[in-house]
């Protein structure tokens, strides 16, 4: 019995040393272009990233002045989904707005 309880203690100790790995995060980034209306960009940011009008406007202005704007940071699957939502909305509205994801 002593050997079994000792093995159990070793197993529990080994398991407690293992820490679960957190998923890698990705930035979802919108890119500036000369054709997509600013109002459309604000609307997309509000819809896809659930930002307020003021937050979306601030991100849109950053995109306009700096060329890119980070709309959010998410695990890979969520970042890919958000990127695809942006690209689909842009395509449906016939705008060239581009969205990429970048590993942090």
PDB file of N, CA and C in Angstrom:
ATOM      1  N   UNK A   1       0.816  -1.206   0.000  1.00  0.00           N
ATOM      2  CA  UNK A   1       0.000   0.000   0.000  1.00  0.00           C
ATOM      3  C   UNK A   1       0.857   1.265   0.000  1.00  0.00           C
ATOM      4  N   UNK A   2       1.935   1.256   0.680  1.00  0.00           N
ATOM      5  CA  UNK A   2       2.786   2.417   0.768  1.00  0.00           C
ATOM      6  C   UNK A   2       3.338   2.799  -0.607  1.00  0.00           C
ATOM      7  N   UNK A   3       3.673   1.804  -1.423  1.00  0.00           N
ATOM      8  CA  UNK A   3       4.192   2.060  -2.758  1.00  0.00           C
ATOM      9  C   UNK A   3       3.134   2.713  -3.632  1.00  0.00           C
ATOM     10  N   UNK A   4       1.905   2.248  -3.542  1.00  0.00           N
ATOM     11  CA  UNK A   4       0.806   2.805  -4.341  1.00  0.00           C
ATOM     12  C   UNK A   4       0.549   4.258  -3.952  1.00  0.00           C
ATOM     13  N   UNK A   5       0.495   4.563  -2.686  1.00  0.00           N
ATOM     14  CA  UNK A   5       0.243   5.943  -2.260  1.00  0.00           C
ATOM     15  C   UNK A   5       1.408   6.845  -2.651  1.00  0.00           C
ATOM     16  N   UNK A   6       2.628   6.304  -2.633  1.00  0.00           N
ATOM     17  CA  UNK A   6       3.792   7.089  -3.039  1.00  0.00           C
ATOM     18  C   UNK A   6       3.731   7.392  -4.547  1.00  0.00           C
ATOM     19  N   UNK A   7       3.311   6.410  -5.355  1.00  0.00           N
ATOM     20  CA  UNK A   7       3.166   6.604  -6.796  1.00  0.00           C
ATOM     21  C   UNK A   7       2.079   7.638  -7.093  1.00  0.00           C
ATOM     22  N   UNK A   8       0.991   7.564  -6.331  1.00  0.00           N
ATOM     23  CA  UNK A   8      -0.106   8.507  -6.503  1.00  0.00           C
ATOM     24  C   UNK A   8       0.363   9.929  -6.185  1.00  0.00           C
ATOM     25  N   UNK A   9       1.133  10.091  -5.139  1.00  0.00           N
ATOM     26  CA  UNK A   9       1.662  11.408  -4.786  1.00  0.00           C
ATOM     27  C   UNK A   9       2.576  11.945  -5.894  1.00  0.00           C
ATOM     28  N   UNK A  10       3.418  11.063  -6.460  1.00  0.00           N
ATOM     29  CA  UNK A  10       4.297  11.468  -7.553  1.00  0.00           C
ATOM     30  C   UNK A  10       3.498  11.913  -8.769  1.00  0.00           C
ATOM     31  N   UNK A  11       2.433  11.180  -9.092  1.00  0.00           N
ATOM     32  CA  UNK A  11       1.589  11.515 -10.241  1.00  0.00           C
ATOM     33  C   UNK A  11       0.902  12.865 -10.034  1.00  0.00           C
ATOM     34  N   UNK A  12       0.362  13.068  -8.849  1.00  0.00           N
ATOM     35  CA  UNK A  12      -0.315  14.337  -8.540  1.00  0.00           C
ATOM     36  C   UNK A  12       0.687  15.484  -8.588  1.00  0.00           C
ATOM     37  N   UNK A  13       1.899  15.262  -8.086  1.00  0.00           N
ATOM     38  CA  UNK A  13       2.920  16.300  -8.098  1.00  0.00           C
ATOM     39  C   UNK A  13       3.331  16.652  -9.527  1.00  0.00           C
ATOM     40  N   UNK A  14       3.460  15.649 -10.386  1.00  0.00           N
ATOM     41  CA  UNK A  14       3.815  15.894 -11.782  1.00  0.00           C
ATOM     42  C   UNK A  14       2.712  16.658 -12.495  1.00  0.00           C
ATOM     43  N   UNK A  15       1.471  16.299 -12.248  1.00  0.00           N
ATOM     44  CA  UNK A  15       0.343  16.976 -12.888  1.00  0.00           C
ATOM     45  C   UNK A  15       0.233  18.425 -12.447  1.00  0.00           C
ATOM     46  N   UNK A  16       0.559  18.696 -11.184  1.00  0.00           N
ATOM     47  CA  UNK A  16       0.462  20.069 -10.699  1.00  0.00           C
ATOM     48  C   UNK A  16       1.554  20.947 -11.309  1.00  0.00           C
ATOM     49  N   UNK A  17       2.667  20.333 -11.760  1.00  0.00           N
ATOM     50  CA  UNK A  17       3.727  21.101 -12.399  1.00  0.00           C
ATOM     51  C   UNK A  17       3.351  21.482 -13.826  1.00  0.00           C
ATOM     52  N   UNK A  18       2.479  20.708 -14.458  1.00  0.00           N
ATOM     53  CA  UNK A  18       2.057  20.996 -15.821  1.00  0.00           C
ATOM     54  C   UNK A  18       1.027  22.112 -15.808  1.00  0.00           C
ATOM     55  N   UNK A  19       1.316  23.146 -16.567  1.00  0.00           N
ATOM     56  CA  UNK A  19       0.374  24.250 -16.656  1.00  0.00           C
ATOM     57  C   UNK A  19      -0.218  24.249 -18.057  1.00  0.00           C
ATOM     58  N   UNK A  20      -1.514  24.493 -18.158  1.00  0.00           N
ATOM     59  CA  UNK A  20      -2.105  24.520 -19.501  1.00  0.00           C
ATOM     60  C   UNK A  20      -1.557  25.709 -20.288  1.00  0.00           C
ATOM     61  N   UNK A  21      -1.322  25.478 -21.568  1.00  0.00           N
ATOM     62  CA  UNK A  21      -0.845  26.556 -22.423  1.00  0.00           C
ATOM     63  C   UNK A  21      -2.008  27.425 -22.851  1.00  0.00           C
ATOM     64  N   UNK A  22      -1.835  28.706 -22.702  1.00  0.00           N
ATOM     65  CA  UNK A  22      -2.853  29.645 -23.157  1.00  0.00           C
ATOM     66  C   UNK A  22      -2.751  29.772 -24.666  1.00  0.00           C
ATOM     67  N   UNK A  23      -3.886  29.967 -25.346  1.00  0.00           N
ATOM     68  CA  UNK A  23      -3.816  30.109 -26.799  1.00  0.00           C
ATOM     69  C   UNK A  23      -3.075  31.393 -27.188  1.00  0.00           C
ATOM     70  N   UNK A  24      -2.390  31.338 -28.306  1.00  0.00           N
ATOM     71  CA  UNK A  24      -1.704  32.522 -28.823  1.00  0.00           C
ATOM     72  C   UNK A  24      -2.744  33.531 -29.287  1.00  0.00           C
ATOM     73  N   UNK A  25      -2.435  34.790 -29.093  1.00  0.00           N
ATOM     74  CA  UNK A  25      -3.359  35.840 -29.504  1.00  0.00           C
ATOM     75  C   UNK A  25      -2.908  36.479 -30.810  1.00  0.00           C
ATOM     76  N   UNK A  26      -3.890  36.998 -31.532  1.00  0.00           N
ATOM     77  CA  UNK A  26      -3.651  37.633 -32.825  1.00  0.00           C
ATOM     78  C   UNK A  26      -4.330  38.988 -32.866  1.00  0.00           C
ATOM     79  N   UNK A  27      -3.639  39.959 -33.474  1.00  0.00           N
ATOM     80  CA  UNK A  27      -4.233  41.280 -33.684  1.00  0.00           C
ATOM     81  C   UNK A  27      -5.036  41.231 -34.979  1.00  0.00           C
ATOM     82  N   UNK A  28      -6.229  41.812 -34.942  1.00  0.00           N
ATOM     83  CA  UNK A  28      -7.018  41.962 -36.161  1.00  0.00           C
ATOM     84  C   UNK A  28      -6.828  43.407 -36.609  1.00  0.00           C
ATOM     85  N   UNK A  29      -6.300  43.563 -37.830  1.00  0.00           N
ATOM     86  CA  UNK A  29      -5.866  44.866 -38.312  1.00  0.00           C
ATOM     87  C   UNK A  29      -6.599  45.226 -39.603  1.00  0.00           C
ATOM     88  N   UNK A  30      -7.117  46.452 -39.639  1.00  0.00           N
ATOM     89  CA  UNK A  30      -7.698  46.977 -40.871  1.00  0.00           C
ATOM     90  C   UNK A  30      -6.653  47.850 -41.561  1.00  0.00           C
ATOM     91  N   UNK A  31      -6.630  47.762 -42.891  1.00  0.00           N
ATOM     92  CA  UNK A  31      -5.652  48.503 -43.684  1.00  0.00           C
ATOM     93  C   UNK A  31      -6.318  49.667 -44.415  1.00  0.00           C
ATOM     94  N   UNK A  32      -5.603  50.752 -44.537  1.00  0.00           N
ATOM     95  CA  UNK A  32      -6.120  51.937 -45.217  1.00  0.00           C
ATOM     96  C   UNK A  32      -6.145  51.734 -46.733  1.00  0.00           C
ATOM     97  N   UNK A  33      -7.133  52.329 -47.369  1.00  0.00           N
ATOM     98  CA  UNK A  33      -7.160  52.427 -48.826  1.00  0.00           C
ATOM     99  C   UNK A  33      -7.780  53.780 -49.175  1.00  0.00           C
ATOM    100  N   UNK A  34      -7.682  54.151 -50.434  1.00  0.00           N
ATOM    101  CA  UNK A  34      -8.156  55.469 -50.849  1.00  0.00           C
ATOM    102  C   UNK A  34      -9.606  55.476 -51.329  1.00  0.00           C
ATOM    103  N   UNK A  35     -10.296  54.346 -51.219  1.00  0.00           N
ATOM    104  CA  UNK A  35     -11.623  54.247 -51.825  1.00  0.00           C
ATOM    105  C   UNK A  35     -12.764  53.945 -50.846  1.00  0.00           C
ATOM    106  N   UNK A  36     -12.494  53.219 -49.794  1.00  0.00           N
ATOM    107  CA  UNK A  36     -13.548  52.844 -48.852  1.00  0.00           C
ATOM    108  C   UNK A  36     -13.978  54.063 -48.041  1.00  0.00           C
ATOM    109  N   UNK A  37     -15.282  54.365 -48.023  1.00  0.00           N
ATOM    110  CA  UNK A  37     -15.758  55.519 -47.246  1.00  0.00           C
ATOM    111  C   UNK A  37     -15.507  55.346 -45.744  1.00  0.00           C
ATOM    112  N   UNK A  38     -15.167  56.440 -45.108  1.00  0.00           N
ATOM    113  CA  UNK A  38     -14.889  56.420 -43.668  1.00  0.00           C
ATOM    114  C   UNK A  38     -16.101  55.926 -42.872  1.00  0.00           C
ATOM    115  N   UNK A  39     -17.290  56.326 -43.303  1.00  0.00           N
ATOM    116  CA  UNK A  39     -18.509  55.919 -42.595  1.00  0.00           C
ATOM    117  C   UNK A  39     -18.678  54.402 -42.638  1.00  0.00           C
ATOM    118  N   UNK A  40     -18.321  53.801 -43.775  1.00  0.00           N
ATOM    119  CA  UNK A  40     -18.414  52.349 -43.910  1.00  0.00           C
ATOM    120  C   UNK A  40     -17.451  51.662 -42.944  1.00  0.00           C
ATOM    121  N   UNK A  41     -16.237  52.187 -42.834  1.00  0.00           N
ATOM    122  CA  UNK A  41     -15.241  51.609 -41.931  1.00  0.00           C
ATOM    123  C   UNK A  41     -15.734  51.687 -40.487  1.00  0.00           C
ATOM    124  N   UNK A  42     -16.274  52.821 -40.101  1.00  0.00           N
ATOM    125  CA  UNK A  42     -16.814  52.976 -38.750  1.00  0.00           C
ATOM    126  C   UNK A  42     -17.933  51.963 -38.510  1.00  0.00           C
ATOM    127  N   UNK A  43     -18.817  51.815 -39.481  1.00  0.00           N
ATOM    128  CA  UNK A  43     -19.935  50.872 -39.371  1.00  0.00           C
ATOM    129  C   UNK A  43     -19.441  49.437 -39.210  1.00  0.00           C
ATOM    130  N   UNK A  44     -18.455  49.056 -40.000  1.00  0.00           N
ATOM    131  CA  UNK A  44     -17.897  47.692 -39.926  1.00  0.00           C
ATOM    132  C   UNK A  44     -17.265  47.450 -38.559  1.00  0.00           C
ATOM    133  N   UNK A  45     -16.500  48.414 -38.076  1.00  0.00           N
ATOM    134  CA  UNK A  45     -15.848  48.268 -36.770  1.00  0.00           C
ATOM    135  C   UNK A  45     -16.898  48.107 -35.669  1.00  0.00           C
ATOM    136  N   UNK A  46     -17.967  48.882 -35.754  1.00  0.00           N
ATOM    137  CA  UNK A  46     -19.031  48.767 -34.758  1.00  0.00           C
ATOM    138  C   UNK A  46     -19.704  47.392 -34.820  1.00  0.00           C
ATOM    139  N   UNK A  47     -20.019  46.938 -36.014  1.00  0.00           N
ATOM    140  CA  UNK A  47     -20.740  45.668 -36.177  1.00  0.00           C
ATOM    141  C   UNK A  47     -19.885  44.460 -35.821  1.00  0.00           C
ATOM    142  N   UNK A  48     -18.688  44.403 -36.364  1.00  0.00           N
ATOM    143  CA  UNK A  48     -17.859  43.211 -36.209  1.00  0.00           C
ATOM    144  C   UNK A  48     -17.158  43.168 -34.851  1.00  0.00           C
ATOM    145  N   UNK A  49     -16.673  44.313 -34.389  1.00  0.00           N
ATOM    146  CA  UNK A  49     -15.860  44.339 -33.179  1.00  0.00           C
ATOM    147  C   UNK A  49     -16.602  44.878 -31.958  1.00  0.00           C
ATOM    148  N   UNK A  50     -17.888  45.197 -32.155  1.00  0.00           N
ATOM    149  CA  UNK A  50     -18.750  45.657 -31.052  1.00  0.00           C
ATOM    150  C   UNK A  50     -18.166  46.875 -30.327  1.00  0.00           C
ATOM    151  N   UNK A  51     -17.675  47.812 -31.095  1.00  0.00           N
ATOM    152  CA  UNK A  51     -17.138  49.053 -30.529  1.00  0.00           C
ATOM    153  C   UNK A  51     -18.224  50.126 -30.552  1.00  0.00           C
ATOM    154  N   UNK A  52     -18.089  51.096 -29.649  1.00  0.00           N
ATOM    155  CA  UNK A  52     -19.006  52.226 -29.664  1.00  0.00           C
ATOM    156  C   UNK A  52     -18.681  53.087 -30.880  1.00  0.00           C
ATOM    157  N   UNK A  53     -19.571  54.020 -31.191  1.00  0.00           N
ATOM    158  CA  UNK A  53     -19.339  54.907 -32.327  1.00  0.00           C
ATOM    159  C   UNK A  53     -18.044  55.696 -32.138  1.00  0.00           C
ATOM    160  N   UNK A  54     -17.811  56.193 -30.912  1.00  0.00           N
ATOM    161  CA  UNK A  54     -16.597  56.964 -30.635  1.00  0.00           C
ATOM    162  C   UNK A  54     -15.335  56.107 -30.774  1.00  0.00           C
ATOM    163  N   UNK A  55     -15.377  54.878 -30.252  1.00  0.00           N
ATOM    164  CA  UNK A  55     -14.218  53.983 -30.370  1.00  0.00           C
ATOM    165  C   UNK A  55     -13.943  53.651 -31.838  1.00  0.00           C
ATOM    166  N   UNK A  56     -15.015  53.347 -32.570  1.00  0.00           N
ATOM    167  CA  UNK A  56     -14.876  53.007 -33.988  1.00  0.00           C
ATOM    168  C   UNK A  56     -14.325  54.183 -34.781  1.00  0.00           C
ATOM    169  N   UNK A  57     -14.777  55.379 -34.469  1.00  0.00           N
ATOM    170  CA  UNK A  57     -14.286  56.579 -35.159  1.00  0.00           C
ATOM    171  C   UNK A  57     -12.803  56.785 -34.878  1.00  0.00           C
ATOM    172  N   UNK A  58     -12.403  56.580 -33.638  1.00  0.00           N
ATOM    173  CA  UNK A  58     -10.992  56.730 -33.267  1.00  0.00           C
ATOM    174  C   UNK A  58     -10.130  55.724 -34.043  1.00  0.00           C
ATOM    175  N   UNK A  59     -10.566  54.474 -34.134  1.00  0.00           N
ATOM    176  CA  UNK A  59      -9.818  53.459 -34.885  1.00  0.00           C
ATOM    177  C   UNK A  59      -9.784  53.819 -36.364  1.00  0.00           C
ATOM    178  N   UNK A  60     -10.908  54.270 -36.899  1.00  0.00           N
ATOM    179  CA  UNK A  60     -10.974  54.654 -38.312  1.00  0.00           C
ATOM    180  C   UNK A  60      -9.994  55.786 -38.605  1.00  0.00           C
ATOM    181  N   UNK A  61      -9.908  56.767 -37.731  1.00  0.00           N
ATOM    182  CA  UNK A  61      -8.977  57.883 -37.935  1.00  0.00           C
ATOM    183  C   UNK A  61      -7.522  57.408 -37.864  1.00  0.00           C
ATOM    184  N   UNK A  62      -7.258  56.453 -37.005  1.00  0.00           N
ATOM    185  CA  UNK A  62      -5.924  55.874 -36.925  1.00  0.00           C
ATOM    186  C   UNK A  62      -5.584  55.159 -38.236  1.00  0.00           C
ATOM    187  N   UNK A  63      -6.545  54.411 -38.768  1.00  0.00           N
ATOM    188  CA  UNK A  63      -6.352  53.733 -40.052  1.00  0.00           C
ATOM    189  C   UNK A  63      -6.073  54.767 -41.139  1.00  0.00           C
ATOM    190  N   UNK A  64      -6.843  55.834 -41.137  1.00  0.00           N
ATOM    191  CA  UNK A  64      -6.724  56.875 -42.159  1.00  0.00           C
ATOM    192  C   UNK A  64      -5.378  57.601 -42.092  1.00  0.00           C
ATOM    193  N   UNK A  65      -4.911  57.895 -40.884  1.00  0.00           N
ATOM    194  CA  UNK A  65      -3.684  58.681 -40.742  1.00  0.00           C
ATOM    195  C   UNK A  65      -2.417  57.835 -40.696  1.00  0.00           C
ATOM    196  N   UNK A  66      -2.501  56.640 -40.109  1.00  0.00           N
ATOM    197  CA  UNK A  66      -1.301  55.816 -39.932  1.00  0.00           C
ATOM    198  C   UNK A  66      -1.224  54.638 -40.904  1.00  0.00           C
ATOM    199  N   UNK A  67      -2.303  54.377 -41.607  1.00  0.00           N
ATOM    200  CA  UNK A  67      -2.297  53.290 -42.583  1.00  0.00           C
ATOM    201  C   UNK A  67      -2.848  51.972 -42.074  1.00  0.00           C
ATOM    202  N   UNK A  68      -2.839  51.786 -40.753  1.00  0.00           N
ATOM    203  CA  UNK A  68      -3.409  50.574 -40.155  1.00  0.00           C
ATOM    204  C   UNK A  68      -4.059  50.922 -38.829  1.00  0.00           C
ATOM    205  N   UNK A  69      -4.967  50.059 -38.406  1.00  0.00           N
ATOM    206  CA  UNK A  69      -5.595  50.227 -37.107  1.00  0.00           C
ATOM    207  C   UNK A  69      -5.929  48.870 -36.526  1.00  0.00           C
ATOM    208  N   UNK A  70      -5.580  48.671 -35.262  1.00  0.00           N
ATOM    209  CA  UNK A  70      -5.873  47.414 -34.577  1.00  0.00           C
ATOM    210  C   UNK A  70      -7.287  47.495 -34.008  1.00  0.00           C
ATOM    211  N   UNK A  71      -8.121  46.558 -34.425  1.00  0.00           N
ATOM    212  CA  UNK A  71      -9.515  46.554 -33.987  1.00  0.00           C
ATOM    213  C   UNK A  71      -9.762  45.639 -32.791  1.00  0.00           C
ATOM    214  N   UNK A  72      -8.852  44.717 -32.541  1.00  0.00           N
ATOM    215  CA  UNK A  72      -9.008  43.814 -31.412  1.00  0.00           C
ATOM    216  C   UNK A  72      -7.921  42.764 -31.388  1.00  0.00           C
ATOM    217  N   UNK A  73      -7.831  42.070 -30.257  1.00  0.00           N
ATOM    218  CA  UNK A  73      -6.869  40.991 -30.063  1.00  0.00           C
ATOM    219  C   UNK A  73      -7.640  39.776 -29.584  1.00  0.00           C
ATOM    220  N   UNK A  74      -7.462  38.661 -30.306  1.00  0.00           N
ATOM    221  CA  UNK A  74      -8.258  37.464 -30.061  1.00  0.00           C
ATOM    222  C   UNK A  74      -7.436  36.203 -30.289  1.00  0.00           C
ATOM    223  N   UNK A  75      -7.904  35.057 -29.761  1.00  0.00           N
ATOM    224  CA  UNK A  75      -7.312  33.774 -30.145  1.00  0.00           C
ATOM    225  C   UNK A  75      -7.510  33.559 -31.653  1.00  0.00           C
ATOM    226  N   UNK A  76      -6.729  32.680 -32.244  1.00  0.00           N
ATOM    227  CA  UNK A  76      -6.686  32.507 -33.693  1.00  0.00           C
ATOM    228  C   UNK A  76      -8.056  32.315 -34.333  1.00  0.00           C
ATOM    229  N   UNK A  77      -8.861  31.406 -33.822  1.00  0.00           N
ATOM    230  CA  UNK A  77     -10.141  31.106 -34.464  1.00  0.00           C
ATOM    231  C   UNK A  77     -11.071  32.310 -34.483  1.00  0.00           C
ATOM    232  N   UNK A  78     -11.089  33.050 -33.399  1.00  0.00           N
ATOM    233  CA  UNK A  78     -11.947  34.235 -33.329  1.00  0.00           C
ATOM    234  C   UNK A  78     -11.400  35.326 -34.240  1.00  0.00           C
ATOM    235  N   UNK A  79     -10.081  35.505 -34.251  1.00  0.00           N
ATOM    236  CA  UNK A  79      -9.461  36.507 -35.118  1.00  0.00           C
ATOM    237  C   UNK A  79      -9.762  36.201 -36.584  1.00  0.00           C
ATOM    238  N   UNK A  80      -9.666  34.934 -36.972  1.00  0.00           N
ATOM    239  CA  UNK A  80      -9.970  34.548 -38.356  1.00  0.00           C
ATOM    240  C   UNK A  80     -11.430  34.819 -38.700  1.00  0.00           C
ATOM    241  N   UNK A  81     -12.311  34.525 -37.768  1.00  0.00           N
ATOM    242  CA  UNK A  81     -13.739  34.769 -37.992  1.00  0.00           C
ATOM    243  C   UNK A  81     -14.006  36.251 -38.185  1.00  0.00           C
ATOM    244  N   UNK A  82     -13.437  37.085 -37.330  1.00  0.00           N
ATOM    245  CA  UNK A  82     -13.640  38.535 -37.438  1.00  0.00           C
ATOM    246  C   UNK A  82     -13.071  39.060 -38.758  1.00  0.00           C
ATOM    247  N   UNK A  83     -11.883  38.579 -39.138  1.00  0.00           N
ATOM    248  CA  UNK A  83     -11.277  38.998 -40.394  1.00  0.00           C
ATOM    249  C   UNK A  83     -12.198  38.635 -41.569  1.00  0.00           C
ATOM    250  N   UNK A  84     -12.722  37.424 -41.562  1.00  0.00           N
ATOM    251  CA  UNK A  84     -13.615  36.987 -42.641  1.00  0.00           C
ATOM    252  C   UNK A  84     -14.911  37.787 -42.664  1.00  0.00           C
ATOM    253  N   UNK A  85     -15.426  38.155 -41.492  1.00  0.00           N
ATOM    254  CA  UNK A  85     -16.631  38.985 -41.442  1.00  0.00           C
ATOM    255  C   UNK A  85     -16.373  40.342 -42.104  1.00  0.00           C
ATOM    256  N   UNK A  86     -15.225  40.944 -41.787  1.00  0.00           N
ATOM    257  CA  UNK A  86     -14.873  42.238 -42.384  1.00  0.00           C
ATOM    258  C   UNK A  86     -14.760  42.099 -43.899  1.00  0.00           C
ATOM    259  N   UNK A  87     -14.039  41.084 -44.352  1.00  0.00           N
ATOM    260  CA  UNK A  87     -13.833  40.895 -45.784  1.00  0.00           C
ATOM    261  C   UNK A  87     -15.142  40.622 -46.513  1.00  0.00           C
ATOM    262  N   UNK A  88     -16.040  39.861 -45.883  1.00  0.00           N
ATOM    263  CA  UNK A  88     -17.343  39.588 -46.502  1.00  0.00           C
ATOM    264  C   UNK A  88     -18.202  40.837 -46.597  1.00  0.00           C
ATOM    265  N   UNK A  89     -18.233  41.632 -45.524  1.00  0.00           N
ATOM    266  CA  UNK A  89     -18.996  42.881 -45.556  1.00  0.00           C
ATOM    267  C   UNK A  89     -18.442  43.818 -46.626  1.00  0.00           C
ATOM    268  N   UNK A  90     -17.135  43.882 -46.746  1.00  0.00           N
ATOM    269  CA  UNK A  90     -16.502  44.739 -47.755  1.00  0.00           C
ATOM    270  C   UNK A  90     -16.852  44.277 -49.160  1.00  0.00           C
ATOM    271  N   UNK A  91     -16.778  42.982 -49.369  1.00  0.00           N
ATOM    272  CA  UNK A  91     -17.084  42.431 -50.687  1.00  0.00           C
ATOM    273  C   UNK A  91     -18.542  42.669 -51.059  1.00  0.00           C
ATOM    274  N   UNK A  92     -19.452  42.442 -50.098  1.00  0.00           N
ATOM    275  CA  UNK A  92     -20.885  42.653 -50.335  1.00  0.00           C
ATOM    276  C   UNK A  92     -21.181  44.100 -50.712  1.00  0.00           C
ATOM    277  N   UNK A  93     -20.440  45.013 -50.100  1.00  0.00           N
ATOM    278  CA  UNK A  93     -20.656  46.442 -50.353  1.00  0.00           C
ATOM    279  C   UNK A  93     -19.767  46.972 -51.470  1.00  0.00           C
ATOM    280  N   UNK A  94     -19.008  46.096 -52.079  1.00  0.00           N
ATOM    281  CA  UNK A  94     -18.112  46.444 -53.182  1.00  0.00           C
ATOM    282  C   UNK A  94     -17.085  47.510 -52.798  1.00  0.00           C
ATOM    283  N   UNK A  95     -16.497  47.316 -51.608  1.00  0.00           N
ATOM    284  CA  UNK A  95     -15.420  48.193 -51.141  1.00  0.00           C
ATOM    285  C   UNK A  95     -14.143  47.369 -51.038  1.00  0.00           C
ATOM    286  N   UNK A  96     -12.998  48.012 -51.264  1.00  0.00           N
ATOM    287  CA  UNK A  96     -11.726  47.271 -51.209  1.00  0.00           C
ATOM    288  C   UNK A  96     -11.099  47.165 -49.809  1.00  0.00           C
ATOM    289  N   UNK A  97     -11.848  47.443 -48.759  1.00  0.00           N
ATOM    290  CA  UNK A  97     -11.311  47.406 -47.401  1.00  0.00           C
ATOM    291  C   UNK A  97     -10.667  46.042 -47.123  1.00  0.00           C
ATOM    292  N   UNK A  98      -9.434  46.067 -46.628  1.00  0.00           N
ATOM    293  CA  UNK A  98      -8.698  44.843 -46.346  1.00  0.00           C
ATOM    294  C   UNK A  98      -8.486  44.684 -44.840  1.00  0.00           C
ATOM    295  N   UNK A  99      -8.462  43.424 -44.428  1.00  0.00           N
ATOM    296  CA  UNK A  99      -8.280  43.086 -43.032  1.00  0.00           C
ATOM    297  C   UNK A  99      -7.294  41.926 -42.956  1.00  0.00           C
ATOM    298  N   UNK A 100      -6.365  42.008 -42.012  1.00  0.00           N
ATOM    299  CA  UNK A 100      -5.388  40.936 -41.817  1.00  0.00           C
ATOM    300  C   UNK A 100      -5.315  40.595 -40.330  1.00  0.00           C
ATOM    301  N   UNK A 101      -4.721  39.435 -40.039  1.00  0.00           N
ATOM    302  CA  UNK A 101      -4.426  39.100 -38.655  1.00  0.00           C
ATOM    303  C   UNK A 101      -2.924  38.932 -38.532  1.00  0.00           C
ATOM    304  N   UNK A 102      -2.429  39.258 -37.343  1.00  0.00           N
ATOM    305  CA  UNK A 102      -0.983  39.197 -37.084  1.00  0.00           C
ATOM    306  C   UNK A 102      -0.752  38.615 -35.707  1.00  0.00           C
ATOM    307  N   UNK A 103       0.093  37.606 -35.635  1.00  0.00           N
ATOM    308  CA  UNK A 103       0.416  36.968 -34.359  1.00  0.00           C
ATOM    309  C   UNK A 103       1.149  37.945 -33.455  1.00  0.00           C
ATOM    310  N   UNK A 104       0.786  37.921 -32.208  1.00  0.00           N
ATOM    311  CA  UNK A 104       1.444  38.808 -31.233  1.00  0.00           C
ATOM    312  C   UNK A 104       2.694  38.118 -30.704  1.00  0.00           C
TER     313      UNK A 104
END
